[in-house]
Amino acid sequence: MRKAAAGDGTPHSGRGRKVRTHSPSSPWLFLAPGVLVVGGFSLYPFVSTVVNSFTDARTLTAGNFTGGTNYREMVRDPMFWTGLRNSVLYVLGVVPPLVVLPLLLALLVRRSVPGITFFRAAFYLPVVASVVVVGLIWVWLLDDRGLINALLEALGFGRAGFLSDPWLLLLSAMAVTVWKGLGYYMIIYLAALTQVPRELHEACAVDGAGPVRRFLTVTVPAVRSTMVLVAALSAVSAFKVFSEVYLMAGATGGPGGEDTTLVMLVQQTGTGLSGRVGYASALSVVVFVLTLGLMLLVLRANRREDR
């Protein structure tokens, strides 16, 4: 019998071929680098923090198991309640502007007009700028001898203690957070607005609806899920705020520590050669639980509206 030609459609003989089989451990070899990174830099520090929260560990000593002593002390610590108050106020003061203003900004910059690329880049510039640089610039602007106070004095108003009055300092830090986050959330809204059908706007315009009515009846319902996402992201970020308040209020948290947030309290308590690592770990666990609860609250509110 003649040997089958290579191109005549006759199947080749399987003799001499080796079938390669993959080892059951092959997928785990690909997963190993990621698992090691997550375990070493996320999971292990988290578990270590939870364990240390039940000890009296300090910076140079491991500490002994003390049960819930750190948590009981936290309830009696007035600085904890000050930090919790400021963190909650920060969320209440930052989230609404960061949900609404970036949406309005996205509606403005999505238009195709000459020079709009420049404005998009300008609005996004604070996002890529270093938070330390941004904080220092605003400190210079809001200083007693800064530009803003000079303008207020030139207009006949008195100088405002933006960096010396506890409430004005907290509001100033909120303004910096909102200013720095506008461009980031604007990009998220720009992506969501591309999914809004143009036919809906045209139909509303035919019915005589003005820009405000179209915004409330078409745009807002269409991007509501994105608004919930922005609210969740900005709420978590605001609750864990550190850099803005630290740069503007200093390491002590402003006059008398009145502007200290929970994350700043963790830093103040757990650093230094005599830092109370156990108590700082307990504070960190509380911050994690409150942050998780905040996210679940936002998601639950979104589900109720979907029903």
Foldseek 3Di string as FASTA:
>chain_A
DDDDDPPPPDDDDPPPDDDDDDDPCVVVVVCVVVVCCCCVPPVVVLVVLVQLLQFQDADPGPGDGNGNPLVVVLVVDVLNVLQAVLLVVLLVLQLVCLLPVLLVVLVVLVDDDPPSVVVLCVQQVLQPDDLLVLLVVLLQQLPQPHDVQVVCVVVPHHGDPCLADLVSVSNSLSVSVNSSCSSVLNVLSNVQVVPFDPVQVVVCVVVVDDPVRCCVPGVCVSCVVSSLVSSLVSSLCSSLDDSNQCSRQPLCCHVVVSNHHLNSVLVVQRDDNGHRSNSSSSSVVVSVVVSVVSNVVSVVVVVVVVD
